[in-house]
Amino acid sequence: MSTLEELNAQIAELTRQAEEIKAQERGNVIAELREKIALYGITARELRLDIPSEPYRERRRAGMGGEKPVPKYTDGQGNYWAGGRGRKPAWVQEIINNGGNIEDYRIVD
């Protein structure tokens, strides 16, 4: 029967081997994904890569004490809007004024 030290050494060796294989395969996976993205014309918006990272959602409003609302709309250029009450951001108002539909800019959940 193996000792705990032997098992831990085997685990460490297998983990090292797995990381090595992962590093070798990573380049091929990235190349394959890029090829498919180009082939199908997939956008960052469709992959939800234009949504801010979690710290944006977790930040607190200065002086308000509440959490910042989760954005529901984006223009794909770094602007977000939660769709709440009050004045609409300029980019949203511009879309509406030009006859656009803000729902076309909704972030898919």
N, C-alpha and C. Protein backbone atom coordinates (compact mmCIF):
# COMPACT_ATOMS: atom_id res chain seq x y z
N MET A 1 0.84 -1.17 0.00
CA MET A 1 0.00 0.00 0.00
C MET A 1 0.89 1.25 0.00
N SER A 2 0.48 2.27 -0.73
CA SER A 2 1.25 3.50 -0.84
C SER A 2 1.09 4.35 0.40
N THR A 3 2.14 5.09 0.68
CA THR A 3 2.06 6.01 1.80
C THR A 3 1.48 7.33 1.33
N LEU A 4 1.09 8.14 2.26
CA LEU A 4 0.54 9.45 1.95
C LEU A 4 1.55 10.30 1.18
N GLU A 5 2.81 10.23 1.56
CA GLU A 5 3.86 10.99 0.86
C GLU A 5 3.98 10.55 -0.59
N GLU A 6 3.90 9.26 -0.84
CA GLU A 6 3.99 8.75 -2.21
C GLU A 6 2.79 9.21 -3.05
N LEU A 7 1.61 9.16 -2.45
CA LEU A 7 0.42 9.60 -3.16
C LEU A 7 0.49 11.10 -3.47
N ASN A 8 0.94 11.89 -2.51
CA ASN A 8 1.09 13.32 -2.75
C ASN A 8 2.11 13.60 -3.84
N ALA A 9 3.18 12.82 -3.89
CA ALA A 9 4.19 12.99 -4.94
C ALA A 9 3.59 12.63 -6.31
N GLN A 10 2.79 11.58 -6.34
CA GLN A 10 2.13 11.19 -7.60
C GLN A 10 1.14 12.28 -8.04
N ILE A 11 0.40 12.82 -7.11
CA ILE A 11 -0.54 13.90 -7.43
C ILE A 11 0.21 15.10 -8.00
N ALA A 12 1.31 15.46 -7.36
CA ALA A 12 2.10 16.61 -7.83
C ALA A 12 2.63 16.35 -9.23
N GLU A 13 3.11 15.15 -9.50
CA GLU A 13 3.64 14.82 -10.82
C GLU A 13 2.53 14.82 -11.88
N LEU A 14 1.39 14.25 -11.56
CA LEU A 14 0.27 14.26 -12.50
C LEU A 14 -0.23 15.67 -12.76
N THR A 15 -0.26 16.50 -11.73
CA THR A 15 -0.67 17.90 -11.90
C THR A 15 0.30 18.62 -12.82
N ARG A 16 1.59 18.40 -12.63
CA ARG A 16 2.61 19.01 -13.49
C ARG A 16 2.44 18.57 -14.93
N GLN A 17 2.20 17.27 -15.13
CA GLN A 17 2.00 16.74 -16.49
C GLN A 17 0.75 17.33 -17.13
N ALA A 18 -0.31 17.46 -16.36
CA ALA A 18 -1.56 18.02 -16.88
C ALA A 18 -1.35 19.48 -17.30
N GLU A 19 -0.64 20.26 -16.50
CA GLU A 19 -0.37 21.66 -16.83
C GLU A 19 0.50 21.76 -18.09
N GLU A 20 1.43 20.86 -18.24
CA GLU A 20 2.30 20.84 -19.43
C GLU A 20 1.48 20.56 -20.69
N ILE A 21 0.59 19.58 -20.62
CA ILE A 21 -0.27 19.23 -21.76
C ILE A 21 -1.21 20.40 -22.07
N LYS A 22 -1.75 21.00 -21.04
CA LYS A 22 -2.65 22.14 -21.22
C LYS A 22 -1.94 23.28 -21.95
N ALA A 23 -0.70 23.57 -21.54
CA ALA A 23 0.07 24.64 -22.18
C ALA A 23 0.36 24.31 -23.64
N GLN A 24 0.64 23.06 -23.94
CA GLN A 24 0.93 22.65 -25.32
C GLN A 24 -0.32 22.76 -26.20
N GLU A 25 -1.47 22.40 -25.67
CA GLU A 25 -2.71 22.39 -26.45
C GLU A 25 -3.35 23.77 -26.56
N ARG A 26 -3.01 24.68 -25.66
CA ARG A 26 -3.65 26.00 -25.61
C ARG A 26 -3.53 26.76 -26.93
N GLY A 27 -2.35 26.77 -27.51
CA GLY A 27 -2.14 27.47 -28.77
C GLY A 27 -3.02 26.95 -29.88
N ASN A 28 -3.16 25.64 -29.96
CA ASN A 28 -4.02 25.04 -30.98
C ASN A 28 -5.49 25.38 -30.76
N VAL A 29 -5.91 25.39 -29.51
CA VAL A 29 -7.30 25.72 -29.19
C VAL A 29 -7.60 27.17 -29.58
N ILE A 30 -6.69 28.08 -29.26
CA ILE A 30 -6.88 29.49 -29.60
C ILE A 30 -6.96 29.66 -31.11
N ALA A 31 -6.08 29.01 -31.84
CA ALA A 31 -6.10 29.11 -33.30
C ALA A 31 -7.40 28.57 -33.87
N GLU A 32 -7.88 27.46 -33.33
CA GLU A 32 -9.13 26.86 -33.79
C GLU A 32 -10.32 27.79 -33.50
N LEU A 33 -10.34 28.39 -32.31
CA LEU A 33 -11.43 29.31 -31.96
C LEU A 33 -11.42 30.54 -32.87
N ARG A 34 -10.24 31.09 -33.12
CA ARG A 34 -10.14 32.26 -34.01
C ARG A 34 -10.65 31.94 -35.40
N GLU A 35 -10.33 30.76 -35.88
CA GLU A 35 -10.77 30.33 -37.21
C GLU A 35 -12.30 30.25 -37.27
N LYS A 36 -12.91 29.66 -36.24
CA LYS A 36 -14.37 29.51 -36.22
C LYS A 36 -15.06 30.86 -36.04
N ILE A 37 -14.48 31.73 -35.22
CA ILE A 37 -15.05 33.07 -35.03
C ILE A 37 -15.06 33.81 -36.35
N ALA A 38 -13.95 33.74 -37.09
CA ALA A 38 -13.87 34.41 -38.38
C ALA A 38 -14.83 33.78 -39.38
N LEU A 39 -14.91 32.46 -39.40
CA LEU A 39 -15.77 31.74 -40.34
C LEU A 39 -17.24 32.10 -40.15
N TYR A 40 -17.68 32.17 -38.90
CA TYR A 40 -19.09 32.42 -38.61
C TYR A 40 -19.39 33.90 -38.33
N GLY A 41 -18.37 34.75 -38.34
CA GLY A 41 -18.59 36.17 -38.11
C GLY A 41 -19.10 36.48 -36.72
N ILE A 42 -18.64 35.76 -35.74
CA ILE A 42 -19.09 35.94 -34.36
C ILE A 42 -18.45 37.20 -33.79
N THR A 43 -19.25 38.00 -33.08
CA THR A 43 -18.75 39.25 -32.51
C THR A 43 -18.48 39.11 -31.01
N ALA A 44 -17.69 40.04 -30.50
CA ALA A 44 -17.41 40.07 -29.06
C ALA A 44 -18.70 40.27 -28.28
N ARG A 45 -19.62 41.03 -28.86
CA ARG A 45 -20.90 41.27 -28.20
C ARG A 45 -21.69 39.97 -28.05
N GLU A 46 -21.68 39.14 -29.10
CA GLU A 46 -22.40 37.86 -29.02
C GLU A 46 -21.77 36.93 -28.00
N LEU A 47 -20.48 37.04 -27.81
CA LEU A 47 -19.78 36.20 -26.83
C LEU A 47 -19.79 36.83 -25.44
N ARG A 48 -20.43 38.02 -25.34
CA ARG A 48 -20.52 38.78 -24.09
C ARG A 48 -19.15 39.18 -23.56
N LEU A 49 -18.22 39.44 -24.48
CA LEU A 49 -16.89 39.89 -24.09
C LEU A 49 -16.84 41.40 -23.92
N ASP A 50 -17.91 42.10 -24.26
CA ASP A 50 -17.96 43.55 -24.12
C ASP A 50 -18.62 43.98 -22.82
N ILE A 51 -18.95 43.03 -21.97
CA ILE A 51 -19.59 43.31 -20.69
C ILE A 51 -18.49 43.57 -19.65
N PRO A 52 -18.65 44.57 -18.80
CA PRO A 52 -17.61 44.87 -17.82
C PRO A 52 -17.37 43.71 -16.87
N SER A 53 -16.18 43.69 -16.33
CA SER A 53 -15.83 42.64 -15.39
C SER A 53 -16.61 42.79 -14.09
N GLU A 54 -16.56 41.80 -13.25
CA GLU A 54 -17.33 41.78 -12.01
C GLU A 54 -17.06 42.97 -11.09
N PRO A 55 -15.81 43.47 -10.98
CA PRO A 55 -15.62 44.61 -10.07
C PRO A 55 -16.53 45.79 -10.41
N TYR A 56 -16.86 45.99 -11.71
CA TYR A 56 -17.77 47.07 -12.11
C TYR A 56 -19.12 46.86 -11.44
N ARG A 57 -19.58 45.64 -11.42
CA ARG A 57 -20.89 45.35 -10.85
C ARG A 57 -20.88 45.43 -9.33
N GLU A 58 -19.72 45.24 -8.73
CA GLU A 58 -19.65 45.18 -7.28
C GLU A 58 -19.31 46.52 -6.63
N ARG A 59 -18.90 47.50 -7.43
CA ARG A 59 -18.57 48.81 -6.89
C ARG A 59 -19.78 49.44 -6.21
N ARG A 60 -19.53 50.19 -5.22
CA ARG A 60 -20.60 50.88 -4.51
C ARG A 60 -20.64 52.34 -4.97
N ARG A 61 -21.82 52.89 -4.99
CA ARG A 61 -21.95 54.31 -5.32
C ARG A 61 -21.41 55.14 -4.18
N ALA A 62 -20.66 56.16 -4.54
CA ALA A 62 -20.11 57.05 -3.52
C ALA A 62 -21.25 57.76 -2.80
N GLY A 63 -21.29 57.62 -1.51
CA GLY A 63 -22.28 58.32 -0.71
C GLY A 63 -23.67 57.70 -0.73
N MET A 64 -23.95 56.76 -1.60
CA MET A 64 -25.28 56.18 -1.70
C MET A 64 -25.41 54.92 -0.85
N GLY A 65 -24.31 54.17 -0.71
CA GLY A 65 -24.34 52.97 0.10
C GLY A 65 -24.94 51.76 -0.59
N GLY A 66 -25.52 51.94 -1.77
CA GLY A 66 -26.11 50.80 -2.49
C GLY A 66 -25.19 50.31 -3.59
N GLU A 67 -25.49 49.16 -4.10
CA GLU A 67 -24.69 48.61 -5.19
C GLU A 67 -25.05 49.29 -6.51
N LYS A 68 -24.07 49.40 -7.38
CA LYS A 68 -24.30 49.97 -8.70
C LYS A 68 -25.16 48.98 -9.48
N PRO A 69 -26.15 49.45 -10.20
CA PRO A 69 -27.03 48.53 -10.93
C PRO A 69 -26.29 47.80 -12.04
N VAL A 70 -26.74 46.60 -12.34
CA VAL A 70 -26.15 45.80 -13.40
C VAL A 70 -26.56 46.39 -14.75
N PRO A 71 -25.60 46.62 -15.65
CA PRO A 71 -25.96 47.22 -16.94
C PRO A 71 -26.83 46.28 -17.77
N LYS A 72 -27.81 46.87 -18.47
CA LYS A 72 -28.71 46.10 -19.34
C LYS A 72 -28.48 46.40 -20.80
N TYR A 73 -27.83 47.55 -21.08
CA TYR A 73 -27.61 47.98 -22.46
C TYR A 73 -26.16 48.42 -22.64
N THR A 74 -25.62 48.20 -23.84
CA THR A 74 -24.28 48.67 -24.17
C THR A 74 -24.23 49.04 -25.65
N ASP A 75 -23.40 50.01 -25.94
CA ASP A 75 -23.23 50.40 -27.35
C ASP A 75 -22.04 49.70 -27.98
N GLY A 76 -21.37 48.82 -27.24
CA GLY A 76 -20.22 48.08 -27.76
C GLY A 76 -18.95 48.91 -27.78
N GLN A 77 -19.01 50.12 -27.26
CA GLN A 77 -17.84 51.00 -27.24
C GLN A 77 -17.48 51.41 -25.81
N GLY A 78 -17.88 50.61 -24.86
CA GLY A 78 -17.54 50.87 -23.47
C GLY A 78 -18.57 51.66 -22.70
N ASN A 79 -19.69 51.97 -23.31
CA ASN A 79 -20.76 52.69 -22.63
C ASN A 79 -21.86 51.71 -22.21
N TYR A 80 -22.33 51.86 -20.97
CA TYR A 80 -23.34 50.97 -20.42
C TYR A 80 -24.45 51.78 -19.77
N TRP A 81 -25.64 51.18 -19.73
CA TRP A 81 -26.78 51.82 -19.08
C TRP A 81 -27.63 50.73 -18.44
N ALA A 82 -28.05 50.99 -17.21
CA ALA A 82 -28.86 50.01 -16.49
C ALA A 82 -30.33 50.11 -16.85
N GLY A 83 -30.73 51.17 -17.55
CA GLY A 83 -32.12 51.31 -17.95
C GLY A 83 -33.03 51.76 -16.84
N GLY A 84 -32.47 52.39 -15.85
CA GLY A 84 -33.28 52.81 -14.71
C GLY A 84 -33.99 54.13 -14.92
N ARG A 85 -34.53 54.65 -13.83
CA ARG A 85 -35.23 55.93 -13.86
C ARG A 85 -34.23 57.06 -14.03
N GLY A 86 -34.76 58.21 -14.38
CA GLY A 86 -33.90 59.38 -14.50
C GLY A 86 -33.48 59.63 -15.94
N ARG A 87 -32.56 60.55 -16.07
CA ARG A 87 -32.09 60.99 -17.37
C ARG A 87 -31.31 59.89 -18.08
N LYS A 88 -31.58 59.73 -19.35
CA LYS A 88 -30.88 58.72 -20.15
C LYS A 88 -29.50 59.25 -20.53
N PRO A 89 -28.50 58.37 -20.62
CA PRO A 89 -27.18 58.81 -21.07
C PRO A 89 -27.27 59.37 -22.49
N ALA A 90 -26.32 60.22 -22.85
CA ALA A 90 -26.32 60.87 -24.16
C ALA A 90 -26.33 59.86 -25.30
N TRP A 91 -25.56 58.77 -25.16
CA TRP A 91 -25.49 57.80 -26.25
C TRP A 91 -26.84 57.11 -26.46
N VAL A 92 -27.58 56.89 -25.37
CA VAL A 92 -28.91 56.27 -25.48
C VAL A 92 -29.88 57.26 -26.13
N GLN A 93 -29.85 58.51 -25.66
CA GLN A 93 -30.74 59.51 -26.22
C GLN A 93 -30.47 59.72 -27.71
N GLU A 94 -29.21 59.66 -28.11
CA GLU A 94 -28.85 59.81 -29.52
C GLU A 94 -29.45 58.69 -30.36
N ILE A 95 -29.40 57.47 -29.87
CA ILE A 95 -29.99 56.32 -30.58
C ILE A 95 -31.49 56.55 -30.76
N ILE A 96 -32.15 56.94 -29.69
CA ILE A 96 -33.60 57.16 -29.73
C ILE A 96 -33.94 58.31 -30.68
N ASN A 97 -33.18 59.41 -30.60
CA ASN A 97 -33.43 60.57 -31.46
C ASN A 97 -33.25 60.25 -32.94
N ASN A 98 -32.37 59.29 -33.23
CA ASN A 98 -32.12 58.90 -34.62
C ASN A 98 -33.06 57.80 -35.09
N GLY A 99 -34.08 57.51 -34.30
CA GLY A 99 -35.07 56.51 -34.69
C GLY A 99 -34.68 55.08 -34.39
N GLY A 100 -33.60 54.89 -33.64
CA GLY A 100 -33.16 53.54 -33.29
C GLY A 100 -33.95 52.96 -32.14
N ASN A 101 -33.81 51.67 -31.97
CA ASN A 101 -34.50 50.97 -30.89
C ASN A 101 -33.46 50.55 -29.86
N ILE A 102 -33.57 51.06 -28.64
CA ILE A 102 -32.60 50.75 -27.60
C ILE A 102 -32.55 49.26 -27.30
N GLU A 103 -33.62 48.53 -27.57
CA GLU A 103 -33.64 47.09 -27.33
C GLU A 103 -32.63 46.34 -28.20
N ASP A 104 -32.23 46.95 -29.32
CA ASP A 104 -31.19 46.35 -30.15
C ASP A 104 -29.84 46.34 -29.46
N TYR A 105 -29.73 47.11 -28.38
CA TYR A 105 -28.47 47.24 -27.65
C TYR A 105 -28.51 46.51 -26.30
N ARG A 106 -29.55 45.73 -26.09
CA ARG A 106 -29.70 45.00 -24.82
C ARG A 106 -28.62 43.94 -24.71
N ILE A 107 -28.07 43.82 -23.51
CA ILE A 107 -27.08 42.78 -23.22
C ILE A 107 -27.87 41.50 -22.97
N VAL A 108 -27.54 40.45 -23.69
CA VAL A 108 -28.25 39.19 -23.57
C VAL A 108 -27.84 38.49 -22.28
N ASP A 109 -28.81 38.05 -21.50
CA ASP A 109 -28.52 37.35 -20.24
C ASP A 109 -28.38 35.88 -20.47
